[in-house]
């Protein structure tokens, strides 16, 4: 029937933003405490001897200090990633609660590290683990990003329920792509 479209699944933007704001708040609060209490590049504080310590490092690069010294370009990339993720959120499973939480964790983490890049000209890292080698220091924002990506990965294995269509499974709902099915009568 001409003009009939499949309704879009509703995205709970409030859930995405709430998770993002909680992630951002926890990230910035913990970094503020680290900045206030631990000297920059000072002696680590052992929490679990030989396994976990608190440090205060600045990272001008990305994960594992890749692209070190490229703070400006990484800040621009982060801003572009934020815009892309928000505009494309439906493609990342944001119709489902798990996808909303995952996207919120990622967005909150990206914003947290972006704030650091703008305010401190580096990302504040403070969590240091030894597993059994010294793992690169990271922060709450990094944890949010990694956890969010992990949740999206897990969600990608979930199969749609009967009658449910997902754009990323190659079954784009008609309302998403703006097309409608043609009348059988109009083709004759």
N, C-alpha and C. Protein backbone atom coordinates (compact mmCIF):
# COMPACT_ATOMS: atom_id res chain seq x y z
N UNK A 1 0.84 -1.17 0.00
CA UNK A 1 0.00 0.00 0.00
C UNK A 1 0.89 1.24 0.00
N UNK A 2 0.62 2.15 -0.90
CA UNK A 2 1.44 3.35 -1.05
C UNK A 2 1.27 4.27 0.16
N UNK A 3 2.41 4.84 0.60
CA UNK A 3 2.37 5.82 1.68
C UNK A 3 2.43 5.21 3.08
N UNK A 4 2.42 3.89 3.17
CA UNK A 4 2.49 3.26 4.49
C UNK A 4 3.96 3.05 4.83
N UNK A 5 4.34 3.48 6.01
CA UNK A 5 5.73 3.32 6.43
C UNK A 5 5.78 2.58 7.76
N UNK A 6 6.91 1.97 7.99
CA UNK A 6 7.14 1.31 9.27
C UNK A 6 7.54 2.39 10.27
N UNK A 7 6.91 2.46 11.44
CA UNK A 7 7.27 3.50 12.39
C UNK A 7 8.69 3.30 12.93
N UNK A 8 9.36 4.42 13.18
CA UNK A 8 10.70 4.37 13.76
C UNK A 8 10.60 3.94 15.22
N UNK A 9 11.57 3.20 15.65
CA UNK A 9 11.66 2.89 17.08
C UNK A 9 12.06 4.18 17.80
N UNK A 10 11.50 4.39 18.96
CA UNK A 10 11.79 5.60 19.72
C UNK A 10 13.15 5.49 20.39
N UNK A 11 13.89 6.57 20.34
CA UNK A 11 15.17 6.64 21.04
C UNK A 11 14.96 7.46 22.30
N UNK A 12 15.35 6.91 23.42
CA UNK A 12 15.23 7.61 24.69
C UNK A 12 16.48 8.49 24.87
N UNK A 13 16.42 9.71 24.29
CA UNK A 13 17.55 10.62 24.39
C UNK A 13 17.84 11.00 25.83
N UNK A 14 16.81 11.04 26.67
CA UNK A 14 17.01 11.40 28.08
C UNK A 14 17.92 10.38 28.76
N UNK A 15 17.75 9.09 28.46
CA UNK A 15 18.60 8.06 29.07
C UNK A 15 20.04 8.22 28.60
N UNK A 16 20.21 8.47 27.31
CA UNK A 16 21.56 8.66 26.77
C UNK A 16 22.24 9.83 27.47
N UNK A 17 21.52 10.95 27.56
CA UNK A 17 22.10 12.15 28.17
C UNK A 17 22.34 11.98 29.66
N UNK A 18 21.45 11.27 30.36
CA UNK A 18 21.64 11.04 31.79
C UNK A 18 22.90 10.21 32.04
N UNK A 19 23.06 9.14 31.29
CA UNK A 19 24.26 8.30 31.45
C UNK A 19 25.51 9.11 31.08
N UNK A 20 25.42 9.90 30.02
CA UNK A 20 26.57 10.73 29.62
C UNK A 20 26.92 11.73 30.71
N UNK A 21 25.91 12.39 31.28
CA UNK A 21 26.17 13.37 32.34
C UNK A 21 26.73 12.72 33.60
N UNK A 22 26.22 11.55 33.97
CA UNK A 22 26.75 10.85 35.14
C UNK A 22 28.21 10.42 34.92
N UNK A 23 28.49 9.93 33.73
CA UNK A 23 29.86 9.53 33.39
C UNK A 23 30.78 10.75 33.43
N UNK A 24 30.33 11.83 32.81
CA UNK A 24 31.11 13.07 32.79
C UNK A 24 31.35 13.60 34.20
N UNK A 25 30.31 13.62 35.03
CA UNK A 25 30.43 14.14 36.39
C UNK A 25 31.42 13.30 37.21
N UNK A 26 31.31 11.97 37.13
CA UNK A 26 32.22 11.10 37.87
C UNK A 26 33.66 11.28 37.37
N UNK A 27 33.81 11.40 36.06
CA UNK A 27 35.13 11.60 35.47
C UNK A 27 35.75 12.91 35.97
N UNK A 28 35.02 13.99 35.85
CA UNK A 28 35.58 15.29 36.23
C UNK A 28 35.80 15.40 37.74
N UNK A 29 34.92 14.80 38.54
CA UNK A 29 35.10 14.82 39.99
C UNK A 29 36.37 14.07 40.39
N UNK A 30 36.56 12.88 39.83
CA UNK A 30 37.75 12.10 40.19
C UNK A 30 39.02 12.79 39.71
N UNK A 31 38.99 13.41 38.55
CA UNK A 31 40.16 14.14 38.06
C UNK A 31 40.45 15.36 38.93
N UNK A 32 39.41 16.03 39.38
CA UNK A 32 39.59 17.19 40.26
C UNK A 32 40.28 16.76 41.55
N UNK A 33 39.83 15.64 42.13
CA UNK A 33 40.45 15.13 43.36
C UNK A 33 41.92 14.80 43.11
N UNK A 34 42.21 14.15 42.00
CA UNK A 34 43.60 13.79 41.67
C UNK A 34 44.45 15.05 41.53
N UNK A 35 43.94 16.05 40.82
CA UNK A 35 44.69 17.30 40.63
C UNK A 35 44.96 17.98 41.97
N UNK A 36 43.98 17.94 42.87
CA UNK A 36 44.12 18.58 44.18
C UNK A 36 45.05 17.81 45.12
N UNK A 37 45.06 16.49 45.04
CA UNK A 37 45.73 15.67 46.06
C UNK A 37 47.06 15.04 45.63
N UNK A 38 47.24 14.81 44.33
CA UNK A 38 48.46 14.13 43.88
C UNK A 38 49.32 15.06 43.05
N UNK A 39 50.62 15.12 43.33
CA UNK A 39 51.50 15.97 42.52
C UNK A 39 51.63 15.41 41.10
N UNK A 40 51.68 16.32 40.14
CA UNK A 40 51.81 15.93 38.73
C UNK A 40 53.12 15.17 38.55
N UNK A 41 53.06 14.01 37.94
CA UNK A 41 54.21 13.13 37.71
C UNK A 41 54.95 12.78 39.00
N UNK A 42 54.24 12.83 40.12
CA UNK A 42 54.85 12.52 41.41
C UNK A 42 54.88 11.03 41.69
N UNK A 43 55.21 10.70 42.91
CA UNK A 43 55.27 9.30 43.33
C UNK A 43 53.87 8.69 43.32
N UNK A 44 53.74 7.47 42.82
CA UNK A 44 52.44 6.80 42.85
C UNK A 44 52.02 6.46 44.28
N UNK A 45 50.71 6.37 44.48
CA UNK A 45 50.15 5.98 45.77
C UNK A 45 49.61 4.57 45.62
N UNK A 46 50.22 3.62 46.31
CA UNK A 46 49.81 2.21 46.21
C UNK A 46 48.45 2.03 46.89
N UNK A 47 47.52 1.43 46.15
CA UNK A 47 46.21 1.09 46.70
C UNK A 47 46.19 -0.40 47.02
N UNK A 48 46.59 -1.21 46.05
CA UNK A 48 46.79 -2.65 46.24
C UNK A 48 48.22 -2.92 45.77
N UNK A 49 49.10 -3.12 46.72
CA UNK A 49 50.53 -3.22 46.45
C UNK A 49 50.84 -4.20 45.32
N UNK A 50 51.57 -3.71 44.32
CA UNK A 50 51.98 -4.53 43.19
C UNK A 50 50.90 -4.76 42.14
N UNK A 51 49.71 -4.20 42.35
CA UNK A 51 48.61 -4.41 41.40
C UNK A 51 47.95 -3.11 40.95
N UNK A 52 47.67 -2.20 41.89
CA UNK A 52 46.91 -0.99 41.56
C UNK A 52 47.43 0.19 42.35
N UNK A 53 47.68 1.30 41.64
CA UNK A 53 48.10 2.52 42.31
C UNK A 53 47.48 3.74 41.64
N UNK A 54 47.44 4.82 42.40
CA UNK A 54 46.96 6.10 41.88
C UNK A 54 48.16 6.94 41.49
N UNK A 55 48.06 7.57 40.33
CA UNK A 55 49.13 8.41 39.80
C UNK A 55 48.50 9.71 39.29
N UNK A 56 49.29 10.65 38.87
CA UNK A 56 48.79 11.87 38.24
C UNK A 56 49.67 12.15 37.03
N UNK A 57 49.20 11.67 35.88
CA UNK A 57 49.93 11.84 34.63
C UNK A 57 49.11 12.70 33.68
N UNK A 58 49.79 13.32 32.73
CA UNK A 58 49.13 14.05 31.66
C UNK A 58 49.45 13.39 30.33
N UNK A 59 48.44 13.12 29.54
CA UNK A 59 48.61 12.45 28.26
C UNK A 59 48.17 13.38 27.14
N UNK A 60 49.11 13.82 26.30
CA UNK A 60 48.76 14.68 25.17
C UNK A 60 48.42 13.87 23.93
N UNK A 61 48.43 12.55 24.08
CA UNK A 61 48.10 11.67 22.96
C UNK A 61 46.76 10.99 23.19
N UNK A 62 46.56 9.92 22.44
CA UNK A 62 45.34 9.11 22.58
C UNK A 62 45.68 7.91 23.46
N UNK A 63 44.96 6.83 23.32
CA UNK A 63 45.21 5.63 24.12
C UNK A 63 46.66 5.19 23.97
N UNK A 64 47.27 4.78 25.10
CA UNK A 64 48.66 4.34 25.14
C UNK A 64 49.61 5.41 24.61
N UNK A 65 49.21 6.67 24.72
CA UNK A 65 50.01 7.84 24.29
C UNK A 65 50.27 7.86 22.78
N UNK A 66 49.46 7.13 22.01
CA UNK A 66 49.57 7.22 20.55
C UNK A 66 49.29 8.66 20.13
N UNK A 67 49.98 9.13 19.13
CA UNK A 67 49.83 10.50 18.62
C UNK A 67 50.16 11.53 19.71
N UNK A 68 51.11 11.20 20.56
CA UNK A 68 51.52 12.09 21.64
C UNK A 68 51.92 13.45 21.08
N UNK A 69 51.50 14.50 21.75
CA UNK A 69 51.80 15.86 21.32
C UNK A 69 50.81 16.42 20.32
N UNK A 70 49.80 15.65 19.95
CA UNK A 70 48.81 16.08 18.96
C UNK A 70 47.50 16.46 19.64
N UNK A 71 47.58 17.13 20.76
CA UNK A 71 46.41 17.47 21.57
C UNK A 71 45.35 18.23 20.78
N UNK A 72 45.76 19.22 20.00
CA UNK A 72 44.81 20.03 19.24
C UNK A 72 44.03 19.17 18.25
N UNK A 73 44.73 18.34 17.50
CA UNK A 73 44.07 17.51 16.49
C UNK A 73 43.19 16.44 17.13
N UNK A 74 43.64 15.91 18.26
CA UNK A 74 42.83 14.93 18.97
C UNK A 74 41.57 15.58 19.55
N UNK A 75 41.67 16.84 19.97
CA UNK A 75 40.49 17.56 20.46
C UNK A 75 39.50 17.76 19.31
N UNK A 76 40.00 18.14 18.14
CA UNK A 76 39.11 18.30 16.98
C UNK A 76 38.48 16.97 16.58
N UNK A 77 39.26 15.91 16.61
CA UNK A 77 38.73 14.59 16.30
C UNK A 77 37.64 14.20 17.30
N UNK A 78 37.87 14.49 18.58
CA UNK A 78 36.88 14.18 19.62
C UNK A 78 35.58 14.92 19.36
N UNK A 79 35.69 16.19 19.01
CA UNK A 79 34.50 16.99 18.72
C UNK A 79 33.75 16.41 17.51
N UNK A 80 34.48 16.06 16.47
CA UNK A 80 33.85 15.45 15.29
C UNK A 80 33.20 14.12 15.65
N UNK A 81 33.86 13.32 16.49
CA UNK A 81 33.30 12.03 16.91
C UNK A 81 32.01 12.23 17.69
N UNK A 82 31.97 13.24 18.56
CA UNK A 82 30.75 13.53 19.32
C UNK A 82 29.59 13.83 18.38
N UNK A 83 29.84 14.69 17.42
CA UNK A 83 28.79 15.07 16.47
C UNK A 83 28.34 13.85 15.67
N UNK A 84 29.30 13.08 15.17
CA UNK A 84 28.97 11.90 14.38
C UNK A 84 28.16 10.89 15.20
N UNK A 85 28.60 10.61 16.42
CA UNK A 85 27.89 9.64 17.26
C UNK A 85 26.47 10.09 17.55
N UNK A 86 26.28 11.38 17.83
CA UNK A 86 24.94 11.85 18.15
C UNK A 86 24.03 11.79 16.93
N UNK A 87 24.52 12.27 15.80
CA UNK A 87 23.71 12.28 14.58
C UNK A 87 23.41 10.86 14.11
N UNK A 88 24.34 9.95 14.30
CA UNK A 88 24.20 8.57 13.83
C UNK A 88 23.76 7.60 14.92
N UNK A 89 23.23 8.10 16.02
CA UNK A 89 22.96 7.23 17.17
C UNK A 89 22.03 6.07 16.85
N UNK A 90 21.12 6.23 15.92
CA UNK A 90 20.23 5.12 15.55
C UNK A 90 21.04 3.95 14.97
N UNK A 91 22.10 4.25 14.26
CA UNK A 91 22.93 3.20 13.67
C UNK A 91 23.74 2.44 14.72
N UNK A 92 23.81 2.99 15.93
CA UNK A 92 24.56 2.36 17.01
C UNK A 92 23.65 1.68 18.02
N UNK A 93 22.42 1.39 17.62
CA UNK A 93 21.50 0.63 18.47
C UNK A 93 20.85 1.44 19.57
N UNK A 94 20.71 2.74 19.38
CA UNK A 94 20.16 3.61 20.43
C UNK A 94 18.66 3.46 20.60
N UNK A 95 18.02 2.56 19.85
CA UNK A 95 16.59 2.29 20.07
C UNK A 95 16.39 1.41 21.30
N UNK A 96 17.43 0.72 21.70
CA UNK A 96 17.38 -0.22 22.82
C UNK A 96 18.06 0.38 24.04
N UNK A 97 17.62 -0.04 25.23
CA UNK A 97 18.18 0.49 26.48
C UNK A 97 19.69 0.24 26.56
N UNK A 98 20.14 -0.95 26.17
CA UNK A 98 21.57 -1.26 26.22
C UNK A 98 22.35 -0.32 25.31
N UNK A 99 21.83 -0.06 24.12
CA UNK A 99 22.48 0.86 23.20
C UNK A 99 22.51 2.29 23.74
N UNK A 100 21.45 2.68 24.43
CA UNK A 100 21.39 4.02 25.02
C UNK A 100 22.44 4.17 26.12
N UNK A 101 22.56 3.15 26.97
CA UNK A 101 23.56 3.19 28.04
C UNK A 101 24.96 3.21 27.42
N UNK A 102 25.18 2.35 26.43
CA UNK A 102 26.49 2.29 25.77
C UNK A 102 26.85 3.64 25.16
N UNK A 103 25.93 4.22 24.43
CA UNK A 103 26.20 5.50 23.79
C UNK A 103 26.41 6.60 24.83
N UNK A 104 25.65 6.58 25.91
CA UNK A 104 25.84 7.56 26.98
C UNK A 104 27.22 7.45 27.62
N UNK A 105 27.68 6.23 27.86
CA UNK A 105 29.02 6.03 28.41
C UNK A 105 30.10 6.58 27.48
N UNK A 106 29.95 6.30 26.20
CA UNK A 106 30.93 6.77 25.22
C UNK A 106 30.91 8.29 25.13
N UNK A 107 29.73 8.88 24.99
CA UNK A 107 29.63 10.33 24.88
C UNK A 107 30.17 11.03 26.13
N UNK A 108 29.80 10.53 27.31
CA UNK A 108 30.31 11.13 28.55
C UNK A 108 31.82 11.04 28.64
N UNK A 109 32.38 9.91 28.23
CA UNK A 109 33.83 9.74 28.25
C UNK A 109 34.54 10.65 27.27
N UNK A 110 34.00 10.76 26.07
CA UNK A 110 34.62 11.63 25.06
C UNK A 110 34.58 13.08 25.53
N UNK A 111 33.45 13.52 26.08
CA UNK A 111 33.35 14.90 26.57
C UNK A 111 34.32 15.12 27.73
N UNK A 112 34.43 14.15 28.65
CA UNK A 112 35.35 14.29 29.77
C UNK A 112 36.79 14.49 29.33
N UNK A 113 37.24 13.69 28.38
CA UNK A 113 38.61 13.85 27.89
C UNK A 113 38.76 15.11 27.04
N UNK A 114 37.71 15.50 26.33
CA UNK A 114 37.77 16.73 25.54
C UNK A 114 37.91 17.95 26.47
N UNK A 115 37.18 17.96 27.57
CA UNK A 115 37.32 19.05 28.54
C UNK A 115 38.77 19.13 29.03
N UNK A 116 39.36 17.99 29.34
CA UNK A 116 40.77 17.98 29.78
C UNK A 116 41.68 18.58 28.71
N UNK A 117 41.48 18.18 27.47
CA UNK A 117 42.34 18.68 26.39
C UNK A 117 42.24 20.20 26.27
N UNK A 118 41.05 20.74 26.44
CA UNK A 118 40.85 22.19 26.32
C UNK A 118 41.38 22.92 27.56
N UNK A 119 41.06 22.41 28.74
CA UNK A 119 41.40 23.11 30.00
C UNK A 119 42.86 22.88 30.40
N UNK A 120 43.32 21.63 30.35
CA UNK A 120 44.66 21.29 30.86
C UNK A 120 45.69 21.08 29.75
N UNK A 121 45.26 21.03 28.50
CA UNK A 121 46.11 20.76 27.34
C UNK A 121 46.70 19.35 27.37
N UNK A 122 46.08 18.49 28.15
CA UNK A 122 46.39 17.06 28.19
C UNK A 122 45.24 16.37 28.91
N UNK A 123 45.16 15.07 28.75
CA UNK A 123 44.15 14.29 29.47
C UNK A 123 44.76 13.84 30.79
N UNK A 124 44.03 14.03 31.88
CA UNK A 124 44.48 13.62 33.21
C UNK A 124 44.22 12.12 33.37
N UNK A 125 45.29 11.35 33.53
CA UNK A 125 45.19 9.91 33.77
C UNK A 125 45.67 9.62 35.18
N UNK A 126 45.00 8.69 35.87
CA UNK A 126 45.37 8.46 37.27
C UNK A 126 45.21 7.02 37.75
N UNK A 127 44.63 6.15 36.98
CA UNK A 127 44.45 4.75 37.40
C UNK A 127 45.56 3.92 36.77
N UNK A 128 46.39 3.30 37.59
CA UNK A 128 47.54 2.54 37.11
C UNK A 128 47.46 1.10 37.63
N UNK A 129 47.39 0.14 36.70
CA UNK A 129 47.32 -1.28 37.06
C UNK A 129 48.56 -2.02 36.55
N UNK A 130 48.90 -3.10 37.23
CA UNK A 130 49.97 -4.00 36.82
C UNK A 130 49.34 -5.37 36.62
N UNK A 131 49.32 -5.85 35.36
CA UNK A 131 48.57 -7.09 35.05
C UNK A 131 49.33 -8.05 34.13
N UNK A 132 50.39 -8.64 34.32
CA UNK A 132 51.45 -8.46 35.30
C UNK A 132 52.38 -7.32 34.93
N UNK A 133 52.27 -6.77 33.74
CA UNK A 133 53.09 -5.63 33.32
C UNK A 133 52.36 -4.33 33.71
N UNK A 134 53.07 -3.22 33.62
CA UNK A 134 52.46 -1.93 33.92
C UNK A 134 51.55 -1.54 32.75
N UNK A 135 50.25 -1.56 32.99
CA UNK A 135 49.27 -1.15 31.99
C UNK A 135 49.25 0.38 31.94
N UNK A 136 49.12 0.99 30.76
CA UNK A 136 49.10 2.46 30.70
C UNK A 136 48.01 3.05 31.59
N UNK A 137 48.35 4.15 32.26
CA UNK A 137 47.39 4.82 33.14
C UNK A 137 46.19 5.30 32.33
N UNK A 138 45.03 5.31 32.97
CA UNK A 138 43.80 5.75 32.31
C UNK A 138 42.93 6.44 33.33
N UNK A 139 41.69 6.76 32.95
CA UNK A 139 40.79 7.51 33.83
C UNK A 139 39.36 7.01 33.67
N UNK A 140 38.43 7.64 34.35
CA UNK A 140 37.02 7.23 34.31
C UNK A 140 36.44 7.42 32.90
N UNK A 141 36.82 8.50 32.22
CA UNK A 141 36.33 8.73 30.86
C UNK A 141 36.75 7.58 29.93
N UNK A 142 38.01 7.19 30.03
CA UNK A 142 38.49 6.06 29.22
C UNK A 142 37.71 4.79 29.53
N UNK A 143 37.42 4.58 30.81
CA UNK A 143 36.64 3.41 31.22
C UNK A 143 35.24 3.46 30.63
N UNK A 144 34.63 4.64 30.63
CA UNK A 144 33.30 4.81 30.04
C UNK A 144 33.30 4.49 28.56
N UNK A 145 34.31 5.01 27.86
CA UNK A 145 34.41 4.77 26.41
C UNK A 145 34.57 3.28 26.14
N UNK A 146 35.50 2.64 26.83
CA UNK A 146 35.75 1.20 26.60
C UNK A 146 34.55 0.34 26.98
N UNK A 147 33.92 0.66 28.10
CA UNK A 147 32.73 -0.10 28.51
C UNK A 147 31.60 0.09 27.50
N UNK A 148 31.40 1.32 27.04
CA UNK A 148 30.36 1.59 26.04
C UNK A 148 30.61 0.84 24.75
N UNK A 149 31.84 0.85 24.28
CA UNK A 149 32.17 0.11 23.06
C UNK A 149 31.95 -1.39 23.28
N UNK A 150 32.33 -1.89 24.45
CA UNK A 150 32.11 -3.31 24.76
C UNK A 150 30.63 -3.67 24.76
N UNK A 151 29.80 -2.80 25.34
CA UNK A 151 28.35 -3.04 25.35
C UNK A 151 27.78 -3.02 23.93
N UNK A 152 28.26 -2.09 23.10
CA UNK A 152 27.80 -2.06 21.70
C UNK A 152 28.20 -3.34 20.99
N UNK A 153 29.41 -3.81 21.26
CA UNK A 153 29.88 -5.05 20.66
C UNK A 153 28.98 -6.21 21.07
N UNK A 154 28.67 -6.31 22.36
CA UNK A 154 27.77 -7.37 22.83
C UNK A 154 26.39 -7.25 22.19
N UNK A 155 25.90 -6.03 22.08
CA UNK A 155 24.57 -5.82 21.49
C UNK A 155 24.55 -6.23 20.02
N UNK A 156 25.69 -6.13 19.36
CA UNK A 156 25.73 -6.48 17.93
C UNK A 156 25.45 -7.96 17.69
N UNK A 157 25.60 -8.79 18.73
CA UNK A 157 25.32 -10.22 18.59
C UNK A 157 23.85 -10.55 18.84
N UNK A 158 23.11 -9.61 19.36
CA UNK A 158 21.69 -9.85 19.64
C UNK A 158 20.92 -9.88 18.33
N UNK A 159 20.10 -10.87 18.18
CA UNK A 159 19.29 -10.98 16.97
C UNK A 159 17.98 -10.23 17.16
N UNK A 160 17.49 -9.60 16.09
CA UNK A 160 16.20 -8.91 16.20
C UNK A 160 15.08 -9.91 16.49
N UNK A 161 14.09 -9.45 17.24
CA UNK A 161 12.91 -10.28 17.50
C UNK A 161 12.11 -10.39 16.21
N UNK A 162 11.23 -11.40 16.10
CA UNK A 162 10.41 -11.52 14.89
C UNK A 162 9.62 -10.23 14.65
N UNK A 163 9.68 -9.74 13.43
CA UNK A 163 8.97 -8.52 13.06
C UNK A 163 9.75 -7.25 13.34
N UNK A 164 10.87 -7.37 14.05
CA UNK A 164 11.68 -6.20 14.40
C UNK A 164 12.73 -6.00 13.31
N UNK A 165 12.94 -4.78 12.89
CA UNK A 165 13.95 -4.51 11.87
C UNK A 165 14.97 -3.54 12.44
N UNK A 166 16.22 -3.78 12.10
CA UNK A 166 17.31 -2.91 12.53
C UNK A 166 18.07 -2.45 11.30
N UNK A 167 18.37 -1.18 11.26
CA UNK A 167 19.11 -0.63 10.13
C UNK A 167 20.48 -1.29 9.99
N UNK A 168 21.17 -1.54 11.09
CA UNK A 168 22.51 -2.08 10.98
C UNK A 168 22.52 -3.56 10.60
N UNK A 169 21.36 -4.20 10.60
CA UNK A 169 21.26 -5.59 10.16
C UNK A 169 20.91 -5.66 8.67
N UNK A 170 20.87 -4.50 8.02
CA UNK A 170 20.57 -4.47 6.61
C UNK A 170 19.09 -4.43 6.31
N UNK A 171 18.26 -4.32 7.32
CA UNK A 171 16.81 -4.26 7.14
C UNK A 171 16.35 -2.88 7.58
N UNK A 172 16.57 -1.90 6.74
CA UNK A 172 16.26 -0.52 7.09
C UNK A 172 14.75 -0.32 7.10
N UNK A 173 14.18 0.11 8.24
CA UNK A 173 12.74 0.40 8.25
C UNK A 173 12.43 1.48 7.23
N UNK A 174 11.27 1.36 6.59
CA UNK A 174 10.93 2.30 5.54
C UNK A 174 10.88 3.74 6.04
N UNK A 175 10.48 3.96 7.27
CA UNK A 175 10.41 5.32 7.80
C UNK A 175 11.80 5.92 7.94
N UNK A 176 12.82 5.09 8.09
CA UNK A 176 14.18 5.60 8.24
C UNK A 176 14.73 6.07 6.90
N UNK A 177 14.48 5.26 5.86
CA UNK A 177 15.06 5.65 4.59
C UNK A 177 14.13 6.53 3.76
N UNK A 178 12.94 6.82 4.26
CA UNK A 178 12.03 7.74 3.60
C UNK A 178 11.27 7.16 2.43
N UNK A 179 11.41 5.89 2.17
CA UNK A 179 10.72 5.26 1.05
C UNK A 179 9.47 4.55 1.54
N UNK A 180 8.57 4.32 0.66
CA UNK A 180 7.41 3.49 0.99
C UNK A 180 7.26 2.44 -0.10
N UNK A 181 6.60 1.36 0.25
CA UNK A 181 6.42 0.29 -0.72
C UNK A 181 5.41 0.72 -1.77
N UNK A 182 5.68 0.42 -3.03
CA UNK A 182 4.73 0.81 -4.08
C UNK A 182 3.48 -0.07 -4.04
N UNK A 183 2.39 0.51 -4.50
CA UNK A 183 1.14 -0.24 -4.67
C UNK A 183 1.34 -1.31 -5.72
N UNK A 184 0.77 -2.46 -5.51
CA UNK A 184 0.82 -3.48 -6.55
C UNK A 184 0.00 -3.01 -7.75
N UNK A 185 -1.10 -2.27 -7.47
CA UNK A 185 -1.97 -1.80 -8.54
C UNK A 185 -1.29 -0.75 -9.38
N UNK A 186 -0.47 0.12 -8.77
CA UNK A 186 0.14 1.22 -9.52
C UNK A 186 1.25 0.74 -10.43
N UNK A 187 1.79 -0.46 -10.16
CA UNK A 187 2.85 -0.98 -11.01
C UNK A 187 2.29 -1.67 -12.24
N UNK A 188 1.02 -2.03 -12.21
CA UNK A 188 0.43 -2.79 -13.31
C UNK A 188 0.15 -1.92 -14.51
